[in-house]
Amino acid sequence: MDSSPQRTRSKNWSLPNILTYGRVVAVPVVVALMFWPEKDWARWTALGIFALAAITDFFDGYLARIWSLQSSLGRMLDPIADKLLVGACLLILTAIQQIKGVTVWAALIILLREILVSGLREFLAELRVSVPVSTVAKWKTTAQLLALGFLIVGPAGEKVLPGSQMIGIVLLWIAAVLTLYTGWDYLKASLTHVPDE
């Protein structure tokens, strides 16, 4: 297997990794657009960029696998890009009070779970243990991304689909419940690999 620096550089700039880089770049752009919450064009543009970023989350990993372009950088950066996108959107939506009241707890549950899972993954990586993504975790991700999409477009979306903000809130709570389940599931699976001392 060729592990030369040239091949490593080539993989680092492969299409799957470029899609991941794009997802990272999308984060500050979406956040910047959300600073104009009263502007419909900013809301729709933010939604468009967020949707494109969410789609790349599927394609970067898929293309890396089928083209054998998996790299250490890609494996490290992919989950980081996901968490940056979700975390930044939750924070800005809370800051502009799109998420408020008791619903802040749903956002907090999602954020805390992401931190927990990141720590567990780092711990398990040292033990060379991988925990596969469950079907429920995929449902959680889908509900989470849909919720954020509805909330990002916000009042602008209400003009097209009345009640869209409430749909976003309901989906966010569904994502939070699934987050608790998958977080506990992940924690249980991780604890089986903790050595007794």
C-alpha atoms as a PDB file:
ATOM      1  CA  MET A   1       0.000   0.000   0.000  1.00  0.00           C
ATOM      2  CA  ASP A   2       1.351   3.378  -1.035  1.00  0.00           C
ATOM      3  CA  SER A   3       1.483   5.626   2.026  1.00  0.00           C
ATOM      4  CA  SER A   4       3.737   8.276   0.484  1.00  0.00           C
ATOM      5  CA  PRO A   5       3.242  11.961   1.397  1.00  0.00           C
ATOM      6  CA  GLN A   6       2.124  12.604  -2.203  1.00  0.00           C
ATOM      7  CA  ARG A   7      -0.688  10.036  -1.937  1.00  0.00           C
ATOM      8  CA  THR A   8      -1.705  11.420   1.466  1.00  0.00           C
ATOM      9  CA  ARG A   9      -1.916  14.953   0.018  1.00  0.00           C
ATOM     10  CA  SER A  10      -3.939  13.593  -2.895  1.00  0.00           C
ATOM     11  CA  LYS A  11      -6.465  11.967  -0.537  1.00  0.00           C
ATOM     12  CA  ASN A  12      -6.664  15.079   1.615  1.00  0.00           C
ATOM     13  CA  TRP A  13      -7.834  17.028  -1.453  1.00  0.00           C
ATOM     14  CA  SER A  14     -10.120  14.334  -2.824  1.00  0.00           C
ATOM     15  CA  LEU A  15     -13.754  15.180  -3.614  1.00  0.00           C
ATOM     16  CA  PRO A  16     -15.113  13.540  -0.417  1.00  0.00           C
ATOM     17  CA  ASN A  17     -12.795  15.656   1.744  1.00  0.00           C
ATOM     18  CA  ILE A  18     -13.573  18.799  -0.266  1.00  0.00           C
ATOM     19  CA  LEU A  19     -17.273  18.202   0.466  1.00  0.00           C
ATOM     20  CA  THR A  20     -16.405  17.970   4.179  1.00  0.00           C
ATOM     21  CA  TYR A  21     -14.372  21.195   3.991  1.00  0.00           C
ATOM     22  CA  GLY A  22     -17.389  22.815   2.331  1.00  0.00           C
ATOM     23  CA  ARG A  23     -19.568  21.768   5.258  1.00  0.00           C
ATOM     24  CA  VAL A  24     -17.170  23.483   7.669  1.00  0.00           C
ATOM     25  CA  VAL A  25     -17.146  26.663   5.540  1.00  0.00           C
ATOM     26  CA  ALA A  26     -20.959  26.608   5.434  1.00  0.00           C
ATOM     27  CA  VAL A  27     -21.176  26.998   9.225  1.00  0.00           C
ATOM     28  CA  PRO A  28     -20.151  30.680   9.536  1.00  0.00           C
ATOM     29  CA  VAL A  29     -22.090  31.545   6.361  1.00  0.00           C
ATOM     30  CA  VAL A  30     -25.358  30.105   7.734  1.00  0.00           C
ATOM     31  CA  VAL A  31     -24.756  31.806  11.098  1.00  0.00           C
ATOM     32  CA  ALA A  32     -24.014  35.157   9.415  1.00  0.00           C
ATOM     33  CA  LEU A  33     -27.225  34.967   7.391  1.00  0.00           C
ATOM     34  CA  MET A  34     -29.209  34.223  10.549  1.00  0.00           C
ATOM     35  CA  PHE A  35     -28.147  37.609  11.965  1.00  0.00           C
ATOM     36  CA  TRP A  36     -30.816  39.096   9.657  1.00  0.00           C
ATOM     37  CA  PRO A  37     -33.776  37.101  11.004  1.00  0.00           C
ATOM     38  CA  GLU A  38     -36.320  39.560   9.604  1.00  0.00           C
ATOM     39  CA  LYS A  39     -35.046  39.224   6.007  1.00  0.00           C
ATOM     40  CA  ASP A  40     -36.806  36.500   4.025  1.00  0.00           C
ATOM     41  CA  TRP A  41     -33.991  36.239   1.468  1.00  0.00           C
ATOM     42  CA  ALA A  42     -31.454  35.640   4.253  1.00  0.00           C
ATOM     43  CA  ARG A  43     -33.632  32.888   5.754  1.00  0.00           C
ATOM     44  CA  TRP A  44     -34.098  31.085   2.434  1.00  0.00           C
ATOM     45  CA  THR A  45     -30.417  31.439   1.536  1.00  0.00           C
ATOM     46  CA  ALA A  46     -29.424  30.081   4.953  1.00  0.00           C
ATOM     47  CA  LEU A  47     -31.798  27.152   4.448  1.00  0.00           C
ATOM     48  CA  GLY A  48     -30.348  26.441   0.996  1.00  0.00           C
ATOM     49  CA  ILE A  49     -26.765  26.422   2.271  1.00  0.00           C
ATOM     50  CA  PHE A  50     -27.741  24.327   5.301  1.00  0.00           C
ATOM     51  CA  ALA A  51     -29.546  21.804   3.054  1.00  0.00           C
ATOM     52  CA  LEU A  52     -26.525  21.519   0.742  1.00  0.00           C
ATOM     53  CA  ALA A  53     -24.238  21.036   3.743  1.00  0.00           C
ATOM     54  CA  ALA A  54     -26.540  18.353   5.156  1.00  0.00           C
ATOM     55  CA  ILE A  55     -26.579  16.518   1.808  1.00  0.00           C
ATOM     56  CA  THR A  56     -22.771  16.485   1.671  1.00  0.00           C
ATOM     57  CA  ASP A  57     -22.824  14.654   5.011  1.00  0.00           C
ATOM     58  CA  PHE A  58     -24.143  11.620   3.139  1.00  0.00           C
ATOM     59  CA  PHE A  59     -22.108  11.955  -0.035  1.00  0.00           C
ATOM     60  CA  ASP A  60     -18.645  12.536   1.448  1.00  0.00           C
ATOM     61  CA  GLY A  61     -18.618   9.234   3.330  1.00  0.00           C
ATOM     62  CA  TYR A  62     -20.360   7.326   0.528  1.00  0.00           C
ATOM     63  CA  LEU A  63     -17.953   8.549  -2.169  1.00  0.00           C
ATOM     64  CA  ALA A  64     -14.921   7.961   0.060  1.00  0.00           C
ATOM     65  CA  ARG A  65     -15.987   4.319   0.492  1.00  0.00           C
ATOM     66  CA  ILE A  66     -16.862   3.492  -3.116  1.00  0.00           C
ATOM     67  CA  TRP A  67     -13.780   5.261  -4.496  1.00  0.00           C
ATOM     68  CA  SER A  68     -11.458   3.956  -1.745  1.00  0.00           C
ATOM     69  CA  LEU A  69     -10.521   7.517  -0.810  1.00  0.00           C
ATOM     70  CA  GLN A  70     -10.927   7.190   2.954  1.00  0.00           C
ATOM     71  CA  SER A  71      -8.312   9.156   4.859  1.00  0.00           C
ATOM     72  CA  SER A  72      -7.391   9.847   8.464  1.00  0.00           C
ATOM     73  CA  LEU A  73      -8.151  13.534   7.933  1.00  0.00           C
ATOM     74  CA  GLY A  74     -11.588  12.743   6.519  1.00  0.00           C
ATOM     75  CA  ARG A  75     -12.445  10.363   9.366  1.00  0.00           C
ATOM     76  CA  MET A  76     -11.428  13.026  11.897  1.00  0.00           C
ATOM     77  CA  LEU A  77     -13.023  16.028  10.192  1.00  0.00           C
ATOM     78  CA  ASP A  78     -16.364  14.487   9.138  1.00  0.00           C
ATOM     79  CA  PRO A  79     -17.916  14.188  12.646  1.00  0.00           C
ATOM     80  CA  ILE A  80     -16.393  17.547  13.626  1.00  0.00           C
ATOM     81  CA  ALA A  81     -18.065  19.225  10.628  1.00  0.00           C
ATOM     82  CA  ASP A  82     -21.405  17.642  11.569  1.00  0.00           C
ATOM     83  CA  LYS A  83     -21.205  18.847  15.157  1.00  0.00           C
ATOM     84  CA  LEU A  84     -20.106  22.350  14.148  1.00  0.00           C
ATOM     85  CA  LEU A  85     -23.052  22.666  11.772  1.00  0.00           C
ATOM     86  CA  VAL A  86     -25.667  21.394  14.225  1.00  0.00           C
ATOM     87  CA  GLY A  87     -24.178  23.143  17.272  1.00  0.00           C
ATOM     88  CA  ALA A  88     -23.808  26.520  15.554  1.00  0.00           C
ATOM     89  CA  CYS A  89     -27.374  26.397  14.208  1.00  0.00           C
ATOM     90  CA  LEU A  90     -28.811  25.506  17.609  1.00  0.00           C
ATOM     91  CA  LEU A  91     -26.883  28.321  19.275  1.00  0.00           C
ATOM     92  CA  ILE A  92     -27.824  31.021  16.767  1.00  0.00           C
ATOM     93  CA  LEU A  93     -31.475  29.896  16.749  1.00  0.00           C
ATOM     94  CA  THR A  94     -31.488  30.177  20.543  1.00  0.00           C
ATOM     95  CA  ALA A  95     -29.727  33.564  20.418  1.00  0.00           C
ATOM     96  CA  ILE A  96     -32.380  35.022  18.086  1.00  0.00           C
ATOM     97  CA  GLN A  97     -35.099  33.320  20.200  1.00  0.00           C
ATOM     98  CA  GLN A  98     -36.298  31.050  17.425  1.00  0.00           C
ATOM     99  CA  ILE A  99     -35.700  28.367  20.052  1.00  0.00           C
ATOM    100  CA  LYS A 100     -36.902  29.609  23.430  1.00  0.00           C
ATOM    101  CA  GLY A 101     -38.625  28.646  26.664  1.00  0.00           C
ATOM    102  CA  VAL A 102     -38.792  24.955  27.474  1.00  0.00           C
ATOM    103  CA  THR A 103     -37.600  24.055  23.948  1.00  0.00           C
ATOM    104  CA  VAL A 104     -34.134  25.277  24.937  1.00  0.00           C
ATOM    105  CA  TRP A 105     -33.922  21.990  26.874  1.00  0.00           C
ATOM    106  CA  ALA A 106     -34.314  20.032  23.642  1.00  0.00           C
ATOM    107  CA  ALA A 107     -31.430  21.972  22.113  1.00  0.00           C
ATOM    108  CA  LEU A 108     -29.356  21.468  25.265  1.00  0.00           C
ATOM    109  CA  ILE A 109     -29.974  17.705  25.238  1.00  0.00           C
ATOM    110  CA  ILE A 110     -28.773  17.500  21.637  1.00  0.00           C
ATOM    111  CA  LEU A 111     -25.658  19.598  22.321  1.00  0.00           C
ATOM    112  CA  LEU A 112     -24.703  17.678  25.470  1.00  0.00           C
ATOM    113  CA  ARG A 113     -25.159  14.337  23.716  1.00  0.00           C
ATOM    114  CA  GLU A 114     -22.809  15.458  20.929  1.00  0.00           C
ATOM    115  CA  ILE A 115     -20.144  16.329  23.508  1.00  0.00           C
ATOM    116  CA  LEU A 116     -20.656  13.010  25.306  1.00  0.00           C
ATOM    117  CA  VAL A 117     -20.431  10.956  22.116  1.00  0.00           C
ATOM    118  CA  SER A 118     -17.326  12.857  20.980  1.00  0.00           C
ATOM    119  CA  GLY A 119     -15.595  12.012  24.255  1.00  0.00           C
ATOM    120  CA  LEU A 120     -16.659   8.368  24.079  1.00  0.00           C
ATOM    121  CA  ARG A 121     -15.484   8.035  20.492  1.00  0.00           C
ATOM    122  CA  GLU A 122     -12.091   9.448  21.397  1.00  0.00           C
ATOM    123  CA  PHE A 123     -11.835   6.987  24.300  1.00  0.00           C
ATOM    124  CA  LEU A 124     -12.891   4.034  22.147  1.00  0.00           C
ATOM    125  CA  ALA A 125     -10.526   5.049  19.342  1.00  0.00           C
ATOM    126  CA  GLU A 126      -7.619   4.592  21.760  1.00  0.00           C
ATOM    127  CA  LEU A 127      -8.897   1.056  22.406  1.00  0.00           C
ATOM    128  CA  ARG A 128      -9.347   0.503  18.653  1.00  0.00           C
ATOM    129  CA  VAL A 129     -13.044  -0.171  19.148  1.00  0.00           C
ATOM    130  CA  SER A 130     -15.690   1.090  16.729  1.00  0.00           C
ATOM    131  CA  VAL A 131     -19.382   1.315  17.527  1.00  0.00           C
ATOM    132  CA  PRO A 132     -21.587   1.105  14.412  1.00  0.00           C
ATOM    133  CA  VAL A 133     -24.253   3.737  13.804  1.00  0.00           C
ATOM    134  CA  SER A 134     -27.670   2.321  14.704  1.00  0.00           C
ATOM    135  CA  THR A 135     -30.899   2.754  12.734  1.00  0.00           C
ATOM    136  CA  VAL A 136     -32.339   4.861  15.571  1.00  0.00           C
ATOM    137  CA  ALA A 137     -29.293   7.145  15.372  1.00  0.00           C
ATOM    138  CA  LYS A 138     -30.013   7.663  11.669  1.00  0.00           C
ATOM    139  CA  TRP A 139     -33.620   8.559  12.492  1.00  0.00           C
ATOM    140  CA  LYS A 140     -32.327  10.981  15.116  1.00  0.00           C
ATOM    141  CA  THR A 141     -30.052  12.661  12.583  1.00  0.00           C
ATOM    142  CA  THR A 142     -32.881  12.917  10.038  1.00  0.00           C
ATOM    143  CA  ALA A 143     -35.306  14.439  12.579  1.00  0.00           C
ATOM    144  CA  GLN A 144     -32.592  16.814  13.786  1.00  0.00           C
ATOM    145  CA  LEU A 145     -31.707  18.083  10.301  1.00  0.00           C
ATOM    146  CA  LEU A 146     -35.352  18.476   9.293  1.00  0.00           C
ATOM    147  CA  ALA A 147     -36.084  20.346  12.540  1.00  0.00           C
ATOM    148  CA  LEU A 148     -33.203  22.729  11.962  1.00  0.00           C
ATOM    149  CA  GLY A 149     -34.270  23.272   8.361  1.00  0.00           C
ATOM    150  CA  PHE A 150     -37.795  24.313   9.411  1.00  0.00           C
ATOM    151  CA  LEU A 151     -36.437  26.545  12.180  1.00  0.00           C
ATOM    152  CA  ILE A 152     -33.773  28.166  10.006  1.00  0.00           C
ATOM    153  CA  VAL A 153     -36.326  29.280   7.414  1.00  0.00           C
ATOM    154  CA  GLY A 154     -38.551  30.365  10.313  1.00  0.00           C
ATOM    155  CA  PRO A 155     -41.056  33.191   9.649  1.00  0.00           C
ATOM    156  CA  ALA A 156     -40.224  33.153   5.930  1.00  0.00           C
ATOM    157  CA  GLY A 157     -41.374  29.545   5.809  1.00  0.00           C
ATOM    158  CA  GLU A 158     -44.647  30.425   7.540  1.00  0.00           C
ATOM    159  CA  LYS A 159     -45.632  32.406   4.439  1.00  0.00           C
ATOM    160  CA  VAL A 160     -45.334  29.268   2.334  1.00  0.00           C
ATOM    161  CA  LEU A 161     -46.362  26.604   4.871  1.00  0.00           C
ATOM    162  CA  PRO A 162     -48.275  27.954   7.887  1.00  0.00           C
ATOM    163  CA  GLY A 163     -47.256  26.123  11.045  1.00  0.00           C
ATOM    164  CA  SER A 164     -43.769  25.312   9.737  1.00  0.00           C
ATOM    165  CA  GLN A 165     -42.110  26.710  12.862  1.00  0.00           C
ATOM    166  CA  MET A 166     -44.220  24.451  15.068  1.00  0.00           C
ATOM    167  CA  ILE A 167     -43.248  21.508  12.851  1.00  0.00           C
ATOM    168  CA  GLY A 168     -39.623  22.437  13.499  1.00  0.00           C
ATOM    169  CA  ILE A 169     -40.176  22.565  17.269  1.00  0.00           C
ATOM    170  CA  VAL A 170     -41.970  19.190  17.310  1.00  0.00           C
ATOM    171  CA  LEU A 171     -39.228  17.588  15.208  1.00  0.00           C
ATOM    172  CA  LEU A 172     -36.597  19.084  17.519  1.00  0.00           C
ATOM    173  CA  TRP A 173     -38.263  17.413  20.518  1.00  0.00           C
ATOM    174  CA  ILE A 174     -38.467  14.122  18.620  1.00  0.00           C
ATOM    175  CA  ALA A 175     -34.753  14.456  17.847  1.00  0.00           C
ATOM    176  CA  ALA A 176     -34.044  15.222  21.522  1.00  0.00           C
ATOM    177  CA  VAL A 177     -35.907  12.091  22.698  1.00  0.00           C
ATOM    178  CA  LEU A 178     -34.085   9.940  20.131  1.00  0.00           C
ATOM    179  CA  THR A 179     -30.861  11.674  21.195  1.00  0.00           C
ATOM    180  CA  LEU A 180     -31.374  10.558  24.796  1.00  0.00           C
ATOM    181  CA  TYR A 181     -32.029   6.990  23.655  1.00  0.00           C
ATOM    182  CA  THR A 182     -29.039   6.775  21.310  1.00  0.00           C
ATOM    183  CA  GLY A 183     -26.771   8.563  23.798  1.00  0.00           C
ATOM    184  CA  TRP A 184     -27.620   6.039  26.514  1.00  0.00           C
ATOM    185  CA  ASP A 185     -27.246   3.198  24.002  1.00  0.00           C
ATOM    186  CA  TYR A 186     -23.819   4.503  23.009  1.00  0.00           C
ATOM    187  CA  LEU A 187     -22.779   4.913  26.650  1.00  0.00           C
ATOM    188  CA  LYS A 188     -23.820   1.334  27.498  1.00  0.00           C
ATOM    189  CA  ALA A 189     -21.902  -0.040  24.516  1.00  0.00           C
ATOM    190  CA  SER A 190     -18.836   1.972  25.546  1.00  0.00           C
ATOM    191  CA  LEU A 191     -18.933   0.865  29.178  1.00  0.00           C
ATOM    192  CA  THR A 192     -18.514  -2.772  28.116  1.00  0.00           C
ATOM    193  CA  HIS A 193     -15.018  -1.823  26.924  1.00  0.00           C
ATOM    194  CA  VAL A 194     -13.983  -0.066  30.139  1.00  0.00           C
ATOM    195  CA  PRO A 195     -11.411  -2.271  31.888  1.00  0.00           C
ATOM    196  CA  ASP A 196     -11.919  -3.163  35.563  1.00  0.00           C
ATOM    197  CA  GLU A 197      -9.154  -1.714  37.716  1.00  0.00           C
END
